[in-house]
Amino acid sequence: MMIRILVLVAALTAAAASAAIAQSGTPAEQAACRPDVRRFCHAIKEGSGDGSFLACLQEHRAKLRRACREVLEGHGQ
């Protein structure tokens, strides 16, 4: 469940928001990871698979802003 929220947060940030995606994740979680997804995961296309955005964020964990790292850690990632 938590991974799905993070994936949806990342998808919202990386692609045009649809109504379904915009309702997923908290606004704070979306805001926390939006700059990092844009910076590190911009090449991932929406619909690339549930784990693509999460894997990208995990791959760049050391370079993520503190707020996004805290979102990941708060969800056990």
PDB file of N, CA and C in Angstrom:
ATOM      1  N   MET A   1       0.826  -1.184   0.000  1.00  0.00           N
ATOM      2  CA  MET A   1       0.000   0.000   0.000  1.00  0.00           C
ATOM      3  C   MET A   1       0.873   1.253   0.000  1.00  0.00           C
ATOM      4  N   MET A   2       1.885   1.295   0.856  1.00  0.00           N
ATOM      5  CA  MET A   2       2.736   2.467   0.934  1.00  0.00           C
ATOM      6  C   MET A   2       3.562   2.647  -0.331  1.00  0.00           C
ATOM      7  N   ILE A   3       4.016   1.542  -0.903  1.00  0.00           N
ATOM      8  CA  ILE A   3       4.777   1.633  -2.151  1.00  0.00           C
ATOM      9  C   ILE A   3       3.884   2.217  -3.237  1.00  0.00           C
ATOM     10  N   ARG A   4       2.649   1.794  -3.274  1.00  0.00           N
ATOM     11  CA  ARG A   4       1.707   2.302  -4.275  1.00  0.00           C
ATOM     12  C   ARG A   4       1.525   3.818  -4.129  1.00  0.00           C
ATOM     13  N   ILE A   5       1.448   4.301  -2.887  1.00  0.00           N
ATOM     14  CA  ILE A   5       1.310   5.740  -2.653  1.00  0.00           C
ATOM     15  C   ILE A   5       2.525   6.469  -3.202  1.00  0.00           C
ATOM     16  N   LEU A   6       3.712   5.955  -2.903  1.00  0.00           N
ATOM     17  CA  LEU A   6       4.930   6.601  -3.391  1.00  0.00           C
ATOM     18  C   LEU A   6       5.004   6.589  -4.908  1.00  0.00           C
ATOM     19  N   VAL A   7       4.603   5.476  -5.510  1.00  0.00           N
ATOM     20  CA  VAL A   7       4.610   5.391  -6.974  1.00  0.00           C
ATOM     21  C   VAL A   7       3.643   6.410  -7.558  1.00  0.00           C
ATOM     22  N   LEU A   8       2.490   6.534  -6.940  1.00  0.00           N
ATOM     23  CA  LEU A   8       1.514   7.491  -7.446  1.00  0.00           C
ATOM     24  C   LEU A   8       1.986   8.925  -7.242  1.00  0.00           C
ATOM     25  N   VAL A   9       2.656   9.175  -6.148  1.00  0.00           N
ATOM     26  CA  VAL A   9       3.236  10.505  -5.927  1.00  0.00           C
ATOM     27  C   VAL A   9       4.239  10.806  -7.032  1.00  0.00           C
ATOM     28  N   ALA A  10       5.083   9.847  -7.312  1.00  0.00           N
ATOM     29  CA  ALA A  10       6.084  10.040  -8.352  1.00  0.00           C
ATOM     30  C   ALA A  10       5.436  10.211  -9.721  1.00  0.00           C
ATOM     31  N   ALA A  11       4.412   9.423 -10.000  1.00  0.00           N
ATOM     32  CA  ALA A  11       3.730   9.529 -11.289  1.00  0.00           C
ATOM     33  C   ALA A  11       3.077  10.895 -11.437  1.00  0.00           C
ATOM     34  N   LEU A  12       2.509  11.383 -10.367  1.00  0.00           N
ATOM     35  CA  LEU A  12       1.891  12.705 -10.408  1.00  0.00           C
ATOM     36  C   LEU A  12       2.920  13.765 -10.754  1.00  0.00           C
ATOM     37  N   THR A  13       4.084  13.612 -10.200  1.00  0.00           N
ATOM     38  CA  THR A  13       5.128  14.599 -10.408  1.00  0.00           C
ATOM     39  C   THR A  13       5.723  14.501 -11.800  1.00  0.00           C
ATOM     40  N   ALA A  14       5.884  13.308 -12.307  1.00  0.00           N
ATOM     41  CA  ALA A  14       6.577  13.102 -13.565  1.00  0.00           C
ATOM     42  C   ALA A  14       5.698  13.269 -14.795  1.00  0.00           C
ATOM     43  N   ALA A  15       4.416  13.182 -14.631  1.00  0.00           N
ATOM     44  CA  ALA A  15       3.517  13.238 -15.779  1.00  0.00           C
ATOM     45  C   ALA A  15       2.347  14.171 -15.474  1.00  0.00           C
ATOM     46  N   ALA A  16       1.568  14.459 -16.478  1.00  0.00           N
ATOM     47  CA  ALA A  16       0.384  15.285 -16.258  1.00  0.00           C
ATOM     48  C   ALA A  16      -0.531  14.573 -15.288  1.00  0.00           C
ATOM     49  N   ALA A  17      -1.056  15.309 -14.340  1.00  0.00           N
ATOM     50  CA  ALA A  17      -1.875  14.722 -13.285  1.00  0.00           C
ATOM     51  C   ALA A  17      -3.271  14.430 -13.808  1.00  0.00           C
ATOM     52  N   SER A  18      -3.711  13.222 -13.536  1.00  0.00           N
ATOM     53  CA  SER A  18      -5.098  12.876 -13.824  1.00  0.00           C
ATOM     54  C   SER A  18      -5.862  12.960 -12.513  1.00  0.00           C
ATOM     55  N   ALA A  19      -7.136  12.976 -12.553  1.00  0.00           N
ATOM     56  CA  ALA A  19      -7.935  13.098 -11.331  1.00  0.00           C
ATOM     57  C   ALA A  19      -7.667  11.941 -10.381  1.00  0.00           C
ATOM     58  N   ALA A  20      -7.515  10.744 -10.903  1.00  0.00           N
ATOM     59  CA  ALA A  20      -7.276   9.589 -10.043  1.00  0.00           C
ATOM     60  C   ALA A  20      -5.935   9.676  -9.331  1.00  0.00           C
ATOM     61  N   ILE A  21      -4.922  10.084 -10.035  1.00  0.00           N
ATOM     62  CA  ILE A  21      -3.594  10.182  -9.441  1.00  0.00           C
ATOM     63  C   ILE A  21      -3.539  11.347  -8.472  1.00  0.00           C
ATOM     64  N   ALA A  22      -4.175  12.445  -8.805  1.00  0.00           N
ATOM     65  CA  ALA A  22      -4.121  13.638  -7.960  1.00  0.00           C
ATOM     66  C   ALA A  22      -4.705  13.379  -6.588  1.00  0.00           C
ATOM     67  N   GLN A  23      -5.563  12.394  -6.452  1.00  0.00           N
ATOM     68  CA  GLN A  23      -6.173  12.084  -5.172  1.00  0.00           C
ATOM     69  C   GLN A  23      -5.335  11.108  -4.361  1.00  0.00           C
ATOM     70  N   SER A  24      -4.256  10.598  -4.909  1.00  0.00           N
ATOM     71  CA  SER A  24      -3.417   9.619  -4.225  1.00  0.00           C
ATOM     72  C   SER A  24      -2.267  10.307  -3.510  1.00  0.00           C
ATOM     73  N   GLY A  25      -1.854   9.741  -2.391  1.00  0.00           N
ATOM     74  CA  GLY A  25      -0.773  10.350  -1.625  1.00  0.00           C
ATOM     75  C   GLY A  25      -1.245  11.640  -0.989  1.00  0.00           C
ATOM     76  N   THR A  26      -0.565  12.052   0.037  1.00  0.00           N
ATOM     77  CA  THR A  26      -0.941  13.307   0.673  1.00  0.00           C
ATOM     78  C   THR A  26      -0.296  14.462  -0.086  1.00  0.00           C
ATOM     79  N   PRO A  27      -0.881  15.631   0.011  1.00  0.00           N
ATOM     80  CA  PRO A  27      -0.248  16.785  -0.633  1.00  0.00           C
ATOM     81  C   PRO A  27       1.176  17.013  -0.132  1.00  0.00           C
ATOM     82  N   ALA A  28       1.389  16.753   1.146  1.00  0.00           N
ATOM     83  CA  ALA A  28       2.739  16.933   1.704  1.00  0.00           C
ATOM     84  C   ALA A  28       3.725  15.945   1.091  1.00  0.00           C
ATOM     85  N   GLU A  29       3.298  14.693   0.892  1.00  0.00           N
ATOM     86  CA  GLU A  29       4.182  13.691   0.273  1.00  0.00           C
ATOM     87  C   GLU A  29       4.476  14.060  -1.171  1.00  0.00           C
ATOM     88  N   GLN A  30       3.472  14.514  -1.874  1.00  0.00           N
ATOM     89  CA  GLN A  30       3.674  14.926  -3.260  1.00  0.00           C
ATOM     90  C   GLN A  30       4.669  16.074  -3.338  1.00  0.00           C
ATOM     91  N   ALA A  31       4.483  17.051  -2.486  1.00  0.00           N
ATOM     92  CA  ALA A  31       5.366  18.220  -2.494  1.00  0.00           C
ATOM     93  C   ALA A  31       6.790  17.848  -2.087  1.00  0.00           C
ATOM     94  N   ALA A  32       6.917  16.903  -1.158  1.00  0.00           N
ATOM     95  CA  ALA A  32       8.238  16.522  -0.663  1.00  0.00           C
ATOM     96  C   ALA A  32       9.095  15.880  -1.752  1.00  0.00           C
ATOM     97  N   CYS A  33       8.493  15.095  -2.614  1.00  0.00           N
ATOM     98  CA  CYS A  33       9.275  14.350  -3.610  1.00  0.00           C
ATOM     99  C   CYS A  33       9.216  14.933  -5.017  1.00  0.00           C
ATOM    100  N   ARG A  34       8.345  15.886  -5.246  1.00  0.00           N
ATOM    101  CA  ARG A  34       8.183  16.449  -6.597  1.00  0.00           C
ATOM    102  C   ARG A  34       9.505  16.927  -7.211  1.00  0.00           C
ATOM    103  N   PRO A  35      10.296  17.739  -6.510  1.00  0.00           N
ATOM    104  CA  PRO A  35      11.551  18.207  -7.138  1.00  0.00           C
ATOM    105  C   PRO A  35      12.533  17.072  -7.438  1.00  0.00           C
ATOM    106  N   ASP A  36      12.581  16.075  -6.573  1.00  0.00           N
ATOM    107  CA  ASP A  36      13.510  14.964  -6.787  1.00  0.00           C
ATOM    108  C   ASP A  36      13.081  14.083  -7.952  1.00  0.00           C
ATOM    109  N   VAL A  37      11.787  13.848  -8.080  1.00  0.00           N
ATOM    110  CA  VAL A  37      11.309  13.055  -9.217  1.00  0.00           C
ATOM    111  C   VAL A  37      11.589  13.794 -10.512  1.00  0.00           C
ATOM    112  N   ARG A  38      11.349  15.082 -10.522  1.00  0.00           N
ATOM    113  CA  ARG A  38      11.633  15.877 -11.734  1.00  0.00           C
ATOM    114  C   ARG A  38      13.115  15.845 -12.077  1.00  0.00           C
ATOM    115  N   ARG A  39      13.945  15.903 -11.069  1.00  0.00           N
ATOM    116  CA  ARG A  39      15.389  15.948 -11.300  1.00  0.00           C
ATOM    117  C   ARG A  39      15.956  14.598 -11.719  1.00  0.00           C
ATOM    118  N   PHE A  40      15.593  13.538 -11.011  1.00  0.00           N
ATOM    119  CA  PHE A  40      16.248  12.245 -11.213  1.00  0.00           C
ATOM    120  C   PHE A  40      15.441  11.243 -12.035  1.00  0.00           C
ATOM    121  N   CYS A  41      14.130  11.395 -12.096  1.00  0.00           N
ATOM    122  CA  CYS A  41      13.295  10.343 -12.693  1.00  0.00           C
ATOM    123  C   CYS A  41      12.485  10.837 -13.883  1.00  0.00           C
ATOM    124  N   HIS A  42      12.881  11.944 -14.461  1.00  0.00           N
ATOM    125  CA  HIS A  42      12.114  12.558 -15.545  1.00  0.00           C
ATOM    126  C   HIS A  42      12.007  11.678 -16.783  1.00  0.00           C
ATOM    127  N   ALA A  43      12.907  10.757 -16.967  1.00  0.00           N
ATOM    128  CA  ALA A  43      12.882   9.919 -18.172  1.00  0.00           C
ATOM    129  C   ALA A  43      11.896   8.758 -18.067  1.00  0.00           C
ATOM    130  N   ILE A  44      11.388   8.501 -16.872  1.00  0.00           N
ATOM    131  CA  ILE A  44      10.441   7.402 -16.689  1.00  0.00           C
ATOM    132  C   ILE A  44       9.070   7.851 -17.161  1.00  0.00           C
ATOM    133  N   LYS A  45       8.463   7.034 -17.990  1.00  0.00           N
ATOM    134  CA  LYS A  45       7.152   7.339 -18.543  1.00  0.00           C
ATOM    135  C   LYS A  45       6.062   6.828 -17.610  1.00  0.00           C
ATOM    136  N   GLU A  46       4.961   7.564 -17.529  1.00  0.00           N
ATOM    137  CA  GLU A  46       3.811   7.125 -16.746  1.00  0.00           C
ATOM    138  C   GLU A  46       3.359   5.767 -17.274  1.00  0.00           C
ATOM    139  N   GLY A  47       3.060   4.855 -16.385  1.00  0.00           N
ATOM    140  CA  GLY A  47       2.636   3.525 -16.779  1.00  0.00           C
ATOM    141  C   GLY A  47       3.795   2.562 -16.984  1.00  0.00           C
ATOM    142  N   SER A  48       5.004   2.945 -16.578  1.00  0.00           N
ATOM    143  CA  SER A  48       6.179   2.092 -16.757  1.00  0.00           C
ATOM    144  C   SER A  48       6.231   0.925 -15.784  1.00  0.00           C
ATOM    145  N   GLY A  49       5.320   0.878 -14.884  1.00  0.00           N
ATOM    146  CA  GLY A  49       5.317  -0.188 -13.889  1.00  0.00           C
ATOM    147  C   GLY A  49       5.304   0.412 -12.498  1.00  0.00           C
ATOM    148  N   ASP A  50       4.666  -0.301 -11.591  1.00  0.00           N
ATOM    149  CA  ASP A  50       4.472   0.229 -10.247  1.00  0.00           C
ATOM    150  C   ASP A  50       5.764   0.573  -9.528  1.00  0.00           C
ATOM    151  N   GLY A  51       6.829  -0.160  -9.789  1.00  0.00           N
ATOM    152  CA  GLY A  51       8.046   0.059  -9.033  1.00  0.00           C
ATOM    153  C   GLY A  51       9.063   0.974  -9.688  1.00  0.00           C
ATOM    154  N   SER A  52       8.798   1.470 -10.871  1.00  0.00           N
ATOM    155  CA  SER A  52       9.801   2.252 -11.599  1.00  0.00           C
ATOM    156  C   SER A  52      10.202   3.535 -10.889  1.00  0.00           C
ATOM    157  N   PHE A  53       9.223   4.300 -10.449  1.00  0.00           N
ATOM    158  CA  PHE A  53       9.533   5.563  -9.785  1.00  0.00           C
ATOM    159  C   PHE A  53      10.163   5.326  -8.420  1.00  0.00           C
ATOM    160  N   LEU A  54       9.638   4.369  -7.690  1.00  0.00           N
ATOM    161  CA  LEU A  54      10.208   4.055  -6.381  1.00  0.00           C
ATOM    162  C   LEU A  54      11.650   3.587  -6.536  1.00  0.00           C
ATOM    163  N   ALA A  55      11.902   2.725  -7.504  1.00  0.00           N
ATOM    164  CA  ALA A  55      13.271   2.246  -7.738  1.00  0.00           C
ATOM    165  C   ALA A  55      14.193   3.411  -8.099  1.00  0.00           C
ATOM    166  N   CYS A  56      13.697   4.350  -8.881  1.00  0.00           N
ATOM    167  CA  CYS A  56      14.497   5.519  -9.248  1.00  0.00           C
ATOM    168  C   CYS A  56      14.840   6.339  -8.019  1.00  0.00           C
ATOM    169  N   LEU A  57      13.850   6.594  -7.175  1.00  0.00           N
ATOM    170  CA  LEU A  57      14.110   7.370  -5.962  1.00  0.00           C
ATOM    171  C   LEU A  57      15.087   6.640  -5.052  1.00  0.00           C
ATOM    172  N   GLN A  58      14.928   5.327  -4.931  1.00  0.00           N
ATOM    173  CA  GLN A  58      15.841   4.555  -4.090  1.00  0.00           C
ATOM    174  C   GLN A  58      17.259   4.581  -4.667  1.00  0.00           C
ATOM    175  N   GLU A  59      17.359   4.513  -5.970  1.00  0.00           N
ATOM    176  CA  GLU A  59      18.667   4.549  -6.631  1.00  0.00           C
ATOM    177  C   GLU A  59      19.397   5.859  -6.352  1.00  0.00           C
ATOM    178  N   HIS A  60      18.656   6.925  -6.227  1.00  0.00           N
ATOM    179  CA  HIS A  60      19.238   8.248  -6.009  1.00  0.00           C
ATOM    180  C   HIS A  60      19.093   8.720  -4.564  1.00  0.00           C
ATOM    181  N   ARG A  61      18.829   7.803  -3.658  1.00  0.00           N
ATOM    182  CA  ARG A  61      18.549   8.141  -2.259  1.00  0.00           C
ATOM    183  C   ARG A  61      19.571   9.113  -1.665  1.00  0.00           C
ATOM    184  N   ALA A  62      20.833   8.896  -1.913  1.00  0.00           N
ATOM    185  CA  ALA A  62      21.882   9.738  -1.320  1.00  0.00           C
ATOM    186  C   ALA A  62      21.802  11.182  -1.818  1.00  0.00           C
ATOM    187  N   LYS A  63      21.185  11.399  -2.980  1.00  0.00           N
ATOM    188  CA  LYS A  63      21.104  12.740  -3.553  1.00  0.00           C
ATOM    189  C   LYS A  63      19.742  13.396  -3.338  1.00  0.00           C
ATOM    190  N   LEU A  64      18.795  12.659  -2.750  1.00  0.00           N
ATOM    191  CA  LEU A  64      17.454  13.203  -2.553  1.00  0.00           C
ATOM    192  C   LEU A  64      17.458  14.292  -1.492  1.00  0.00           C
ATOM    193  N   ARG A  65      16.532  15.201  -1.636  1.00  0.00           N
ATOM    194  CA  ARG A  65      16.340  16.200  -0.605  1.00  0.00           C
ATOM    195  C   ARG A  65      15.849  15.507   0.662  1.00  0.00           C
ATOM    196  N   ARG A  66      16.158  16.086   1.784  1.00  0.00           N
ATOM    197  CA  ARG A  66      15.820  15.484   3.069  1.00  0.00           C
ATOM    198  C   ARG A  66      14.324  15.171   3.189  1.00  0.00           C
ATOM    199  N   ALA A  67      13.471  16.063   2.724  1.00  0.00           N
ATOM    200  CA  ALA A  67      12.024  15.864   2.830  1.00  0.00           C
ATOM    201  C   ALA A  67      11.571  14.598   2.107  1.00  0.00           C
ATOM    202  N   CYS A  68      12.108  14.347   0.927  1.00  0.00           N
ATOM    203  CA  CYS A  68      11.721  13.155   0.174  1.00  0.00           C
ATOM    204  C   CYS A  68      12.284  11.896   0.825  1.00  0.00           C
ATOM    205  N   ARG A  69      13.518  11.969   1.312  1.00  0.00           N
ATOM    206  CA  ARG A  69      14.092  10.822   2.036  1.00  0.00           C
ATOM    207  C   ARG A  69      13.226  10.465   3.236  1.00  0.00           C
ATOM    208  N   GLU A  70      12.716  11.470   3.929  1.00  0.00           N
ATOM    209  CA  GLU A  70      11.863  11.224   5.087  1.00  0.00           C
ATOM    210  C   GLU A  70      10.548  10.567   4.694  1.00  0.00           C
ATOM    211  N   VAL A  71      10.002  10.929   3.530  1.00  0.00           N
ATOM    212  CA  VAL A  71       8.786  10.270   3.035  1.00  0.00           C
ATOM    213  C   VAL A  71       9.091   8.789   2.795  1.00  0.00           C
ATOM    214  N   LEU A  72      10.189   8.501   2.111  1.00  0.00           N
ATOM    215  CA  LEU A  72      10.556   7.114   1.852  1.00  0.00           C
ATOM    216  C   LEU A  72      10.746   6.343   3.164  1.00  0.00           C
ATOM    217  N   GLU A  73      11.500   6.921   4.076  1.00  0.00           N
ATOM    218  CA  GLU A  73      11.764   6.269   5.352  1.00  0.00           C
ATOM    219  C   GLU A  73      10.479   6.083   6.148  1.00  0.00           C
ATOM    220  N   GLY A  74       9.591   7.039   6.078  1.00  0.00           N
ATOM    221  CA  GLY A  74       8.310   6.947   6.790  1.00  0.00           C
ATOM    222  C   GLY A  74       7.423   5.821   6.280  1.00  0.00           C
ATOM    223  N   HIS A  75       7.689   5.381   5.057  1.00  0.00           N
ATOM    224  CA  HIS A  75       6.938   4.279   4.468  1.00  0.00           C
ATOM    225  C   HIS A  75       7.757   2.993   4.419  1.00  0.00           C
ATOM    226  N   GLY A  76       8.815   2.967   5.198  1.00  0.00           N
ATOM    227  CA  GLY A  76       9.629   1.745   5.278  1.00  0.00           C
ATOM    228  C   GLY A  76      10.489   1.479   4.063  1.00  0.00           C
ATOM    229  N   GLN A  77      10.800   2.501   3.315  1.00  0.00           N
ATOM    230  CA  GLN A  77      11.626   2.332   2.111  1.00  0.00           C
ATOM    231  C   GLN A  77      12.974   2.883   2.389  1.00  0.00           C
TER     232      GLN A  77
END
